[in-house]
Amino acid sequence: MSLIKKFATVASGTLMSRALGFAREMLMAAALGTGPVADAFYAAFQFPNTFRRLFAEGAFNAAFVPLFAKEIEANGVEGAKRFSEEVFGVLFTALLALTIAMELAMPLIVRFVVAPGFADNPEKYDLTVALATIMFPYLICMSLAAMMSGMLNSLRRYFAAAVAPVFLNIILVGVLANAWYRGHDGLTVGYALAWGVLAAGLVQLAIVWIAVRHAGIAIGFRRPKLTPNVKRLLWLALPAAITGGITQINTLIGTAIASGQDSAVSSLNLADRVYQLPLGVVGVAVAIVLLPELSRALKSGNLIEAANLQNRSVEFTLFLTLPAAAALLVISEPIVRVLYERGAFAATNSTPVVSAILAIFGLGLPAFVLIKAFTPGFFAREDTRTPMYFAAISVAVNVSLALTLFPSWGAPGIAAAAAIAGWVNAAMLLGTLILRGHWDRDAALLKRIPRLVIAAAIMAAGLWFAAGEAEQWLGSVAPVYTQAAALAVLVAGAMVIYFGVAFGIGGADIGMIRRNIRRNRANAATGAAEPE
């Protein structure tokens, strides 16, 4: 299977999840708007979600995958199974202890960490505590699921791990549809969503557990024991967790700061959902696929293949994220209006604020995706500390700017701080890879990047002009179906312009894709076929 096909496999599952996520957010915006229940739910859900990124996805994609891959190479499937059981025993025990401690301390955590601004509003504060208490066990399910997803990715079985998150949105869309049908009030909807999150965690864990068994590895529970392999994993996982979850750390900080202003938390989350589509589909797909592939190339001593993997991954991410960033910057308001402006959301007139936040997030989108393409260059070499230091600097930049900008800019100031911190982090990662000789100069990449920027700029100019001409069909007075149709035409036209210019001026090369596919077919023909 070619690198691009692997990206597409992971991206397809992520795309399904993000598409349903849009449906979920549209229903939530209509049901709750940016009111107190929405603020409470988003703040409460942000807490277990942050821990999931820190101690599950970030840590295991960075630390577990290279060690698991090494164990397969050295001791076969049986050795990998033994290693997985050792990790499972320690992880499950640690997560259970953490969950009990957090449940008991939840009132203090919400007051001083998650949403200190809610303390002045007892009803919102109490609701946030209650929802966070219901949802926090989701962390156990998702952390164990992330471990099993890492196993599947190392075995080059990408689809089950990519499609499992879809079920969170399927369940929450079902909850919201039922609430709409039965006419539930906002408070009832908030509690139903919290229980839906917990149910979704159980379903996702079941999916990847079955997939791992189907792959030939049945994990049993072993008494927790710090074996040499587990100690090595923990040594790598702590900095990797911080690095892998840097976006979530910044988001959690932004949520805490935003809690001091009504509707700011929900406004940030609604904008976040939109820019997470290209970030998830492209960035997550590249990070998931690149790490095990790069680890194998380095462990086999194939430095040419390792360099090619890194350069082609950056080329792929920029090819797709630069036009997405340009579109979010230019037409953020029509996007927000079509997706959210109805029901309780329209009543609060939240479109200008959410669209401003979305436009700023668009400026940071390429940086957020490049971080995911650069960090495997460190993780595959079992260097998780250097990205952690850069992540710490990024957090410091984010906090200082957010505190500076929030009083005058409001929620858009938090988005601006996150975008700037993202670019600082991406620049430090790339600069260090170059200085260490881990990133070779690639003539094709250097030639294509400025041409992709030009193509995106031309597309943005055309999109800005067309949006102005189509104002009568995109404005609030137009019916929603007219707005949606006009937005679809704009997006389709922008795609034609961008891809036409990009291929026309040499920013993209279809021949490279064909050569990649032919090369991997040749590998398969010589016995190097990869398992599906």
Protein backbone atom coordinates (compact mmCIF):
# COMPACT_ATOMS: atom_id res chain seq x y z
CA MET A 1 0.00 0.00 0.00
CA SER A 2 1.51 3.36 -1.03
CA LEU A 3 2.12 6.21 1.40
CA ILE A 4 -0.67 8.25 -0.20
CA LYS A 5 -3.08 5.31 0.00
CA LYS A 6 -2.26 4.96 3.70
CA PHE A 7 -2.92 8.67 4.22
CA ALA A 8 -6.22 8.25 2.38
CA THR A 9 -7.22 5.23 4.49
CA VAL A 10 -6.75 7.10 7.75
CA ALA A 11 -8.14 10.34 6.32
CA SER A 12 -11.34 8.63 5.13
CA GLY A 13 -12.18 7.49 8.65
CA THR A 14 -11.26 10.89 10.06
CA LEU A 15 -13.34 12.62 7.36
CA MET A 16 -16.40 10.58 8.34
CA SER A 17 -15.86 11.54 11.97
CA ARG A 18 -15.39 15.23 11.17
CA ALA A 19 -18.42 15.32 8.85
CA LEU A 20 -20.60 13.84 11.56
CA GLY A 21 -18.92 16.23 13.98
CA PHE A 22 -20.23 19.09 11.88
CA ALA A 23 -23.73 17.60 12.09
CA ARG A 24 -23.32 17.30 15.85
CA GLU A 25 -22.15 20.91 16.26
CA MET A 26 -24.92 22.21 14.02
CA LEU A 27 -27.51 20.46 16.16
CA MET A 28 -25.82 21.62 19.37
CA ALA A 29 -25.66 25.22 18.13
CA ALA A 30 -29.36 25.12 17.30
CA ALA A 31 -30.27 23.49 20.65
CA LEU A 32 -27.93 25.36 23.00
CA GLY A 33 -26.46 28.31 21.06
CA THR A 34 -23.56 29.86 22.94
CA GLY A 35 -25.46 30.00 26.22
CA PRO A 36 -24.56 28.77 29.73
CA VAL A 37 -25.35 25.08 29.14
CA ALA A 38 -23.15 25.07 26.01
CA ASP A 39 -20.34 26.78 27.92
CA ALA A 40 -20.62 24.22 30.73
CA PHE A 41 -20.66 21.20 28.40
CA TYR A 42 -17.71 22.34 26.30
CA ALA A 43 -15.64 23.19 29.37
CA ALA A 44 -16.47 19.87 31.04
CA PHE A 45 -15.74 17.84 27.91
CA GLN A 46 -12.48 19.69 27.32
CA PHE A 47 -11.04 18.29 30.55
CA PRO A 48 -11.16 14.51 29.85
CA ASN A 49 -10.44 15.23 26.20
CA THR A 50 -7.22 17.00 27.15
CA PHE A 51 -6.11 14.10 29.32
CA ARG A 52 -6.94 11.74 26.46
CA ARG A 53 -4.62 13.65 24.14
CA LEU A 54 -1.89 13.99 26.77
CA PHE A 55 -1.78 10.47 28.19
CA ALA A 56 -3.27 8.46 25.35
CA GLU A 57 -2.97 9.59 21.73
CA GLY A 58 0.07 11.83 22.10
CA ALA A 59 2.03 9.48 24.34
CA PHE A 60 1.25 6.23 22.57
CA ASN A 61 1.57 7.43 19.02
CA ALA A 62 4.98 8.83 19.96
CA ALA A 63 6.37 6.30 22.44
CA PHE A 64 4.43 3.04 22.16
CA VAL A 65 4.45 2.69 18.36
CA PRO A 66 8.28 2.66 17.86
CA LEU A 67 8.76 0.25 20.80
CA PHE A 68 5.95 -2.03 19.63
CA ALA A 69 7.36 -2.02 16.09
CA LYS A 70 10.82 -2.84 17.46
CA GLU A 71 9.36 -5.71 19.51
CA ILE A 72 7.69 -7.16 16.41
CA GLU A 73 10.97 -7.01 14.49
CA ALA A 74 12.99 -8.56 17.34
CA ASN A 75 10.63 -11.13 18.89
CA GLY A 76 7.72 -11.49 16.48
CA VAL A 77 4.02 -11.29 17.25
CA GLU A 78 4.36 -13.26 20.49
CA GLY A 79 6.93 -10.82 21.87
CA ALA A 80 4.74 -7.89 20.84
CA LYS A 81 1.76 -9.53 22.58
CA ARG A 82 3.75 -9.92 25.80
CA PHE A 83 4.89 -6.30 25.67
CA SER A 84 1.30 -5.13 25.04
CA GLU A 85 -0.01 -7.07 28.04
CA GLU A 86 2.68 -5.58 30.28
CA VAL A 87 1.73 -2.08 29.15
CA PHE A 88 -2.01 -2.79 29.40
CA GLY A 89 -1.72 -3.88 33.05
CA VAL A 90 0.19 -0.76 34.08
CA LEU A 91 -1.92 1.60 31.98
CA PHE A 92 -5.28 0.30 33.19
CA THR A 93 -4.24 0.45 36.85
CA ALA A 94 -2.84 3.97 36.52
CA LEU A 95 -5.94 5.20 34.67
CA LEU A 96 -8.28 3.74 37.26
CA ALA A 97 -6.39 5.46 40.09
CA LEU A 98 -6.29 8.75 38.16
CA THR A 99 -10.01 8.62 37.42
CA ILE A 100 -10.97 7.99 41.06
CA ALA A 101 -8.74 10.86 42.22
CA MET A 102 -10.11 13.25 39.60
CA GLU A 103 -13.73 12.35 40.32
CA LEU A 104 -13.23 13.13 44.01
CA ALA A 105 -11.44 16.39 43.29
CA MET A 106 -13.68 17.55 40.42
CA PRO A 107 -15.21 20.58 42.20
CA LEU A 108 -11.75 21.97 42.96
CA ILE A 109 -10.43 21.16 39.48
CA VAL A 110 -13.30 23.00 37.76
CA ARG A 111 -12.95 25.98 40.11
CA PHE A 112 -9.18 26.41 39.80
CA VAL A 113 -8.13 24.72 36.51
CA VAL A 114 -10.84 24.09 33.94
CA ALA A 115 -13.13 27.11 34.25
CA PRO A 116 -12.18 29.49 37.08
CA GLY A 117 -14.39 32.16 35.54
CA PHE A 118 -17.50 30.03 36.22
CA ALA A 119 -17.04 30.30 40.00
CA ASP A 120 -19.02 33.57 39.97
CA ASN A 121 -22.01 31.79 38.42
CA PRO A 122 -23.07 28.97 40.81
CA GLU A 123 -25.51 27.33 38.39
CA LYS A 124 -23.00 27.17 35.54
CA TYR A 125 -20.25 26.01 37.91
CA ASP A 126 -22.38 23.22 39.44
CA LEU A 127 -23.47 22.05 35.99
CA THR A 128 -19.87 21.96 34.74
CA VAL A 129 -18.82 19.86 37.76
CA ALA A 130 -21.71 17.43 37.23
CA LEU A 131 -21.05 17.00 33.49
CA ALA A 132 -17.29 16.60 33.98
CA THR A 133 -17.90 13.93 36.65
CA ILE A 134 -20.08 11.95 34.24
CA MET A 135 -17.66 12.25 31.32
CA PHE A 136 -14.27 11.76 32.96
CA PRO A 137 -14.35 7.91 32.85
CA TYR A 138 -14.32 8.39 29.06
CA LEU A 139 -10.57 8.85 29.60
CA ILE A 140 -10.09 5.18 30.56
CA CYS A 141 -11.89 3.94 27.46
CA MET A 142 -10.09 6.27 25.08
CA SER A 143 -6.63 5.73 26.57
CA LEU A 144 -6.91 1.95 26.23
CA ALA A 145 -8.39 2.44 22.75
CA ALA A 146 -5.43 4.65 21.81
CA MET A 147 -3.01 1.94 22.89
CA MET A 148 -4.81 -0.63 20.73
CA SER A 149 -4.98 1.85 17.85
CA GLY A 150 -1.19 2.21 18.11
CA MET A 151 -0.89 -1.56 17.83
CA LEU A 152 -3.12 -1.61 14.75
CA ASN A 153 -1.15 1.22 13.12
CA SER A 154 2.12 -0.62 13.77
CA LEU A 155 0.61 -3.69 12.11
CA ARG A 156 -0.39 -1.42 9.20
CA ARG A 157 -4.08 -1.95 9.84
CA TYR A 158 -5.23 1.65 9.82
CA PHE A 159 -8.96 1.62 9.11
CA ALA A 160 -10.47 0.33 12.38
CA ALA A 161 -8.49 2.83 14.44
CA ALA A 162 -9.47 5.64 12.07
CA VAL A 163 -13.17 4.77 11.94
CA ALA A 164 -13.72 4.16 15.68
CA PRO A 165 -13.99 7.91 16.56
CA VAL A 166 -16.92 8.16 14.13
CA PHE A 167 -19.11 6.53 16.76
CA LEU A 168 -18.72 9.40 19.22
CA ASN A 169 -20.44 11.66 16.74
CA ILE A 170 -22.99 9.03 15.68
CA ILE A 171 -24.10 8.62 19.29
CA LEU A 172 -24.15 12.35 20.07
CA VAL A 173 -26.06 13.14 16.87
CA GLY A 174 -28.57 10.47 17.93
CA VAL A 175 -28.86 12.06 21.39
CA LEU A 176 -29.45 15.51 19.91
CA ALA A 177 -31.95 14.24 17.34
CA ASN A 178 -33.90 12.50 20.10
CA ALA A 179 -33.80 15.67 22.23
CA TRP A 180 -35.14 17.72 19.32
CA TYR A 181 -37.90 15.16 18.63
CA ARG A 182 -38.98 15.08 22.27
CA GLY A 183 -38.57 18.82 22.84
CA HIS A 184 -36.09 18.56 25.73
CA ASP A 185 -34.89 21.71 27.46
CA GLY A 186 -31.23 22.76 27.39
CA LEU A 187 -30.34 21.30 30.80
CA THR A 188 -31.71 17.87 29.87
CA VAL A 189 -29.79 18.01 26.59
CA GLY A 190 -26.55 18.78 28.45
CA TYR A 191 -26.88 15.75 30.72
CA ALA A 192 -27.90 13.49 27.82
CA LEU A 193 -24.80 14.57 25.87
CA ALA A 194 -22.55 13.80 28.85
CA TRP A 195 -23.90 10.25 29.16
CA GLY A 196 -23.60 9.90 25.37
CA VAL A 197 -19.89 10.74 25.55
CA LEU A 198 -19.34 7.96 28.10
CA ALA A 199 -21.29 5.45 26.00
CA ALA A 200 -19.27 6.42 22.93
CA GLY A 201 -16.01 5.70 24.77
CA LEU A 202 -17.16 2.16 25.52
CA VAL A 203 -18.19 1.59 21.89
CA GLN A 204 -14.88 2.88 20.49
CA LEU A 205 -12.88 0.69 22.87
CA ALA A 206 -14.90 -2.36 21.81
CA ILE A 207 -14.24 -1.66 18.10
CA VAL A 208 -10.44 -1.48 18.35
CA TRP A 209 -10.30 -4.37 20.85
CA ILE A 210 -12.12 -6.60 18.34
CA ALA A 211 -9.84 -5.37 15.53
CA VAL A 212 -6.71 -6.21 17.56
CA ARG A 213 -8.03 -9.73 18.22
CA HIS A 214 -8.79 -10.07 14.52
CA ALA A 215 -5.18 -9.05 13.80
CA GLY A 216 -4.02 -12.06 15.81
CA ILE A 217 -3.18 -10.48 19.19
CA ALA A 218 -5.47 -11.33 22.11
CA ILE A 219 -4.49 -9.11 25.04
CA GLY A 220 -4.86 -10.54 28.54
CA PHE A 221 -4.54 -8.70 31.84
CA ARG A 222 -1.20 -9.00 33.65
CA ARG A 223 -0.42 -7.82 37.16
CA PRO A 224 1.07 -4.31 36.88
CA LYS A 225 4.85 -4.54 36.85
CA LEU A 226 7.53 -2.06 35.81
CA THR A 227 9.47 -4.25 33.38
CA PRO A 228 12.42 -2.76 31.45
CA ASN A 229 10.20 -2.28 28.39
CA VAL A 230 7.50 -0.54 30.43
CA LYS A 231 10.08 1.71 32.10
CA ARG A 232 11.43 2.64 28.68
CA LEU A 233 7.91 3.42 27.50
CA LEU A 234 7.21 5.63 30.51
CA TRP A 235 10.53 7.43 30.04
CA LEU A 236 9.56 8.25 26.47
CA ALA A 237 5.85 8.75 27.07
CA LEU A 238 5.86 11.64 29.53
CA PRO A 239 7.56 14.18 27.25
CA ALA A 240 5.78 12.68 24.25
CA ALA A 241 2.43 13.14 25.97
CA ILE A 242 3.11 16.81 26.55
CA THR A 243 4.36 17.28 22.98
CA GLY A 244 1.60 15.27 21.31
CA GLY A 245 -1.06 17.11 23.27
CA ILE A 246 0.33 20.61 22.81
CA THR A 247 -2.72 21.78 20.85
CA GLN A 248 -4.97 20.44 23.58
CA ILE A 249 -2.87 22.04 26.31
CA ASN A 250 -3.19 25.39 24.58
CA THR A 251 -6.92 24.80 24.09
CA LEU A 252 -7.38 23.95 27.78
CA ILE A 253 -5.51 27.12 28.75
CA GLY A 254 -7.64 29.10 26.32
CA THR A 255 -10.80 27.60 27.83
CA ALA A 256 -9.71 28.55 31.35
CA ILE A 257 -9.01 32.14 30.29
CA ALA A 258 -12.16 32.37 28.18
CA SER A 259 -14.35 31.23 31.10
CA GLY A 260 -14.15 34.79 32.37
CA GLN A 261 -16.42 36.01 29.56
CA ASP A 262 -19.94 34.79 28.74
CA SER A 263 -20.21 32.68 25.55
CA ALA A 264 -16.44 32.78 24.89
CA VAL A 265 -15.89 29.08 25.68
CA SER A 266 -18.63 27.85 23.35
CA SER A 267 -17.62 30.33 20.62
CA LEU A 268 -14.06 28.99 20.65
CA ASN A 269 -15.26 25.40 20.51
CA LEU A 270 -17.64 26.00 17.61
CA ALA A 271 -14.84 27.63 15.58
CA ASP A 272 -12.46 24.89 16.63
CA ARG A 273 -14.77 22.24 15.17
CA VAL A 274 -14.59 23.82 11.71
CA TYR A 275 -10.80 24.14 11.45
CA GLN A 276 -10.40 20.67 12.97
CA LEU A 277 -11.73 19.23 9.69
CA PRO A 278 -8.61 19.92 7.60
CA LEU A 279 -6.37 19.52 10.67
CA GLY A 280 -7.84 16.11 11.44
CA VAL A 281 -8.19 14.79 7.92
CA VAL A 282 -4.68 15.83 6.82
CA GLY A 283 -2.60 16.40 9.94
CA VAL A 284 -3.74 13.42 11.98
CA ALA A 285 -3.56 11.11 8.96
CA VAL A 286 0.02 12.15 8.22
CA ALA A 287 1.11 11.85 11.87
CA ILE A 288 -0.46 8.40 12.31
CA VAL A 289 0.98 6.95 9.11
CA LEU A 290 4.35 8.72 9.10
CA LEU A 291 5.54 7.65 12.56
CA PRO A 292 5.53 3.84 12.05
CA GLU A 293 6.75 4.17 8.45
CA LEU A 294 9.60 6.49 9.47
CA SER A 295 10.50 4.26 12.44
CA ARG A 296 10.84 1.24 10.14
CA ALA A 297 12.95 3.14 7.61
CA LEU A 298 15.36 4.41 10.30
CA LYS A 299 15.63 1.05 12.05
CA SER A 300 16.49 -0.63 8.74
CA GLY A 301 19.12 2.05 8.02
CA ASN A 302 17.29 3.31 4.92
CA LEU A 303 18.05 7.02 5.34
CA ILE A 304 17.09 7.89 1.75
CA GLU A 305 13.61 6.43 2.27
CA ALA A 306 13.32 8.24 5.63
CA ALA A 307 14.16 11.59 4.03
CA ASN A 308 11.72 10.96 1.20
CA LEU A 309 8.94 10.10 3.66
CA GLN A 310 9.46 13.34 5.56
CA ASN A 311 9.62 15.59 2.51
CA ARG A 312 6.66 14.02 0.75
CA SER A 313 4.59 14.25 3.93
CA VAL A 314 5.25 17.99 4.25
CA GLU A 315 4.50 18.45 0.57
CA PHE A 316 1.21 16.58 0.97
CA THR A 317 0.16 18.56 4.06
CA LEU A 318 0.88 21.95 2.51
CA PHE A 319 -0.79 20.99 -0.77
CA LEU A 320 -4.09 20.46 1.08
CA THR A 321 -3.90 22.84 4.06
CA LEU A 322 -2.78 26.07 2.35
CA PRO A 323 -6.03 26.40 0.36
CA ALA A 324 -8.06 25.40 3.43
CA ALA A 325 -6.33 28.12 5.48
CA ALA A 326 -6.95 30.69 2.75
CA ALA A 327 -10.64 29.77 2.54
CA LEU A 328 -11.13 29.97 6.31
CA LEU A 329 -9.54 33.41 6.29
CA VAL A 330 -11.61 34.80 3.42
CA ILE A 331 -15.07 33.24 3.85
CA SER A 332 -15.23 32.41 7.56
CA GLU A 333 -18.48 34.35 8.06
CA PRO A 334 -20.49 32.56 5.32
CA ILE A 335 -19.16 29.22 6.62
CA VAL A 336 -20.28 29.96 10.17
CA ARG A 337 -23.62 31.32 8.99
CA VAL A 338 -24.44 28.21 6.95
CA LEU A 339 -23.28 25.76 9.60
CA TYR A 340 -24.61 27.31 12.78
CA GLU A 341 -26.92 30.32 12.31
CA ARG A 342 -30.26 28.91 13.40
CA GLY A 343 -32.20 28.30 16.59
CA ALA A 344 -30.55 29.46 19.81
CA PHE A 345 -27.33 30.38 17.98
CA ALA A 346 -29.09 32.89 15.70
CA ALA A 347 -30.92 34.37 18.68
CA THR A 348 -27.63 35.27 20.38
CA ASN A 349 -26.12 36.83 17.20
CA SER A 350 -22.90 34.85 17.68
CA THR A 351 -21.85 34.73 14.01
CA PRO A 352 -19.42 37.70 13.98
CA VAL A 353 -17.44 36.45 16.99
CA VAL A 354 -17.25 32.80 15.88
CA SER A 355 -16.30 33.78 12.31
CA ALA A 356 -13.51 36.09 13.57
CA ILE A 357 -12.12 33.25 15.69
CA LEU A 358 -12.32 30.86 12.74
CA ALA A 359 -10.45 33.24 10.43
CA ILE A 360 -7.62 33.54 12.96
CA PHE A 361 -7.48 29.77 13.44
CA GLY A 362 -7.17 29.54 9.65
CA LEU A 363 -3.93 31.56 9.82
CA GLY A 364 -2.53 29.01 12.26
CA LEU A 365 -3.79 25.92 10.44
CA PRO A 366 -0.64 25.24 8.34
CA ALA A 367 1.48 25.46 11.49
CA PHE A 368 -0.74 23.05 13.42
CA VAL A 369 -0.50 20.52 10.59
CA LEU A 370 3.25 20.98 10.07
CA ILE A 371 3.84 20.25 13.76
CA LYS A 372 2.26 16.85 13.21
CA ALA A 373 4.52 16.28 10.19
CA PHE A 374 7.73 17.40 11.96
CA THR A 375 7.40 15.65 15.34
CA PRO A 376 7.67 12.09 13.94
CA GLY A 377 11.20 13.04 12.85
CA PHE A 378 12.05 13.21 16.57
CA PHE A 379 9.79 10.46 17.90
CA ALA A 380 10.98 7.87 15.37
CA ARG A 381 14.50 8.42 16.72
CA GLU A 382 13.16 7.96 20.28
CA ASP A 383 13.82 11.63 21.05
CA THR A 384 10.69 12.81 22.81
CA ARG A 385 12.34 15.42 25.00
CA THR A 386 13.35 17.99 22.39
CA PRO A 387 9.77 18.45 21.10
CA MET A 388 8.63 18.63 24.74
CA TYR A 389 10.94 21.59 25.39
CA PHE A 390 9.61 23.33 22.30
CA ALA A 391 6.07 22.56 23.41
CA ALA A 392 6.78 24.19 26.75
CA ILE A 393 8.05 27.32 24.99
CA SER A 394 4.94 27.28 22.81
CA VAL A 395 2.70 27.09 25.86
CA ALA A 396 4.52 30.02 27.47
CA VAL A 397 4.04 32.08 24.29
CA ASN A 398 0.38 31.09 24.15
CA VAL A 399 -0.36 31.94 27.79
CA SER A 400 1.41 35.29 27.73
CA LEU A 401 -0.26 36.39 24.50
CA ALA A 402 -3.70 35.10 25.52
CA LEU A 403 -3.58 36.97 28.82
CA THR A 404 -2.42 40.09 26.97
CA LEU A 405 -4.95 40.00 24.14
CA PHE A 406 -8.07 38.61 25.85
CA PRO A 407 -9.03 41.77 27.80
CA SER A 408 -9.20 43.87 24.62
CA TRP A 409 -9.89 41.30 21.88
CA GLY A 410 -12.02 38.79 23.78
CA ALA A 411 -12.20 35.22 22.42
CA PRO A 412 -10.46 36.11 19.09
CA GLY A 413 -7.41 37.11 21.15
CA ILE A 414 -7.15 33.56 22.49
CA ALA A 415 -7.29 32.20 18.93
CA ALA A 416 -4.55 34.63 17.85
CA ALA A 417 -2.33 33.52 20.75
CA ALA A 418 -2.79 29.85 19.77
CA ALA A 419 -1.99 30.54 16.11
CA ILE A 420 1.21 32.46 16.90
CA ALA A 421 2.32 29.79 19.38
CA GLY A 422 1.76 27.15 16.71
CA TRP A 423 4.03 28.89 14.22
CA VAL A 424 6.72 29.34 16.89
CA ASN A 425 6.59 25.62 17.67
CA ALA A 426 6.69 24.55 14.01
CA ALA A 427 9.67 26.83 13.29
CA MET A 428 11.66 25.44 16.23
CA LEU A 429 10.96 21.83 15.22
CA LEU A 430 12.02 22.34 11.60
CA GLY A 431 15.09 24.39 12.53
CA THR A 432 16.33 21.69 14.90
CA LEU A 433 15.79 18.89 12.38
CA ILE A 434 17.84 20.86 9.84
CA LEU A 435 20.64 21.68 12.31
CA ARG A 436 20.93 18.01 13.32
CA GLY A 437 21.08 16.84 9.72
CA HIS A 438 17.79 14.96 10.05
CA TRP A 439 16.10 16.95 7.31
CA ASP A 440 17.80 16.85 3.94
CA ARG A 441 17.45 19.66 1.45
CA ASP A 442 14.87 18.55 -1.12
CA ALA A 443 14.90 20.47 -4.38
CA ALA A 444 11.40 19.36 -5.37
CA LEU A 445 9.91 20.50 -2.05
CA LEU A 446 11.70 23.86 -2.11
CA LYS A 447 10.46 24.44 -5.64
CA ARG A 448 6.86 23.56 -4.87
CA ILE A 449 6.24 25.40 -1.59
CA PRO A 450 6.33 28.98 -3.00
CA ARG A 451 4.23 27.87 -5.95
CA LEU A 452 1.62 26.36 -3.62
CA VAL A 453 1.56 29.65 -1.70
CA ILE A 454 1.00 31.56 -4.95
CA ALA A 455 -1.81 29.18 -5.96
CA ALA A 456 -3.48 29.61 -2.56
CA ALA A 457 -3.15 33.41 -2.77
CA ILE A 458 -4.72 33.51 -6.25
CA MET A 459 -7.54 31.28 -5.01
CA ALA A 460 -8.10 33.54 -1.97
CA ALA A 461 -8.31 36.62 -4.18
CA GLY A 462 -10.84 34.97 -6.45
CA LEU A 463 -12.83 33.72 -3.48
CA TRP A 464 -12.90 37.17 -1.86
CA PHE A 465 -14.16 38.78 -5.08
CA ALA A 466 -16.79 36.06 -5.67
CA ALA A 467 -18.03 36.24 -2.07
CA GLY A 468 -18.60 39.97 -2.46
CA GLU A 469 -20.55 39.44 -5.66
CA ALA A 470 -22.64 36.69 -4.03
CA GLU A 471 -23.51 38.69 -0.90
CA GLN A 472 -27.24 38.68 -1.68
CA TRP A 473 -27.25 34.86 -1.62
CA LEU A 474 -24.87 34.50 1.36
CA GLY A 475 -26.39 37.11 3.70
CA SER A 476 -28.55 36.41 6.75
CA VAL A 477 -31.74 37.43 4.93
CA ALA A 478 -31.36 34.65 2.34
CA PRO A 479 -32.93 31.23 3.07
CA VAL A 480 -30.50 28.67 4.49
CA TYR A 481 -30.71 26.45 1.40
CA THR A 482 -29.77 29.44 -0.78
CA GLN A 483 -26.84 30.23 1.50
CA ALA A 484 -25.68 26.60 1.43
CA ALA A 485 -25.94 26.39 -2.36
CA ALA A 486 -24.03 29.65 -2.83
CA LEU A 487 -21.31 28.52 -0.40
CA ALA A 488 -21.00 25.17 -2.20
CA VAL A 489 -20.56 26.97 -5.53
CA LEU A 490 -17.88 29.22 -4.01
CA VAL A 491 -15.98 26.26 -2.57
CA ALA A 492 -16.20 24.29 -5.82
CA GLY A 493 -14.98 27.27 -7.81
CA ALA A 494 -12.14 27.86 -5.38
CA MET A 495 -11.04 24.22 -5.71
CA VAL A 496 -11.00 24.49 -9.50
CA ILE A 497 -8.88 27.66 -9.31
CA TYR A 498 -6.44 26.31 -6.72
CA PHE A 499 -5.83 22.89 -8.25
CA GLY A 500 -5.71 24.33 -11.74
CA VAL A 501 -3.10 26.94 -10.76
CA ALA A 502 -1.15 24.55 -8.51
CA PHE A 503 -0.73 21.93 -11.22
CA GLY A 504 -0.33 24.56 -13.92
CA ILE A 505 2.64 26.36 -12.32
CA GLY A 506 4.31 23.23 -10.95
CA GLY A 507 3.24 23.48 -7.32
CA ALA A 508 1.96 19.93 -7.52
CA ASP A 509 3.13 17.04 -9.66
CA ILE A 510 0.82 14.14 -10.47
CA GLY A 511 3.86 12.26 -11.71
CA MET A 512 5.25 12.09 -8.18
CA ILE A 513 2.08 10.38 -7.01
CA ARG A 514 2.25 7.89 -9.86
CA ARG A 515 5.90 7.13 -9.13
CA ASN A 516 5.09 6.55 -5.48
CA ILE A 517 2.36 4.09 -6.35
CA ARG A 518 4.56 2.29 -8.92
CA ARG A 519 7.42 2.08 -6.43
CA ASN A 520 5.20 0.44 -3.82
CA ARG A 521 3.77 -1.96 -6.39
CA ALA A 522 7.33 -2.89 -7.30
CA ASN A 523 8.05 -3.56 -3.62
CA ALA A 524 5.05 -5.84 -3.48
CA ALA A 525 6.17 -7.70 -6.59
CA THR A 526 9.58 -8.42 -5.04
CA GLY A 527 8.08 -9.82 -1.84
CA ALA A 528 7.94 -6.63 0.20
CA ALA A 529 4.19 -6.46 0.22
CA GLU A 530 2.63 -4.81 3.20
CA PRO A 531 -0.27 -6.39 5.07
CA GLU A 532 -3.63 -4.73 4.54
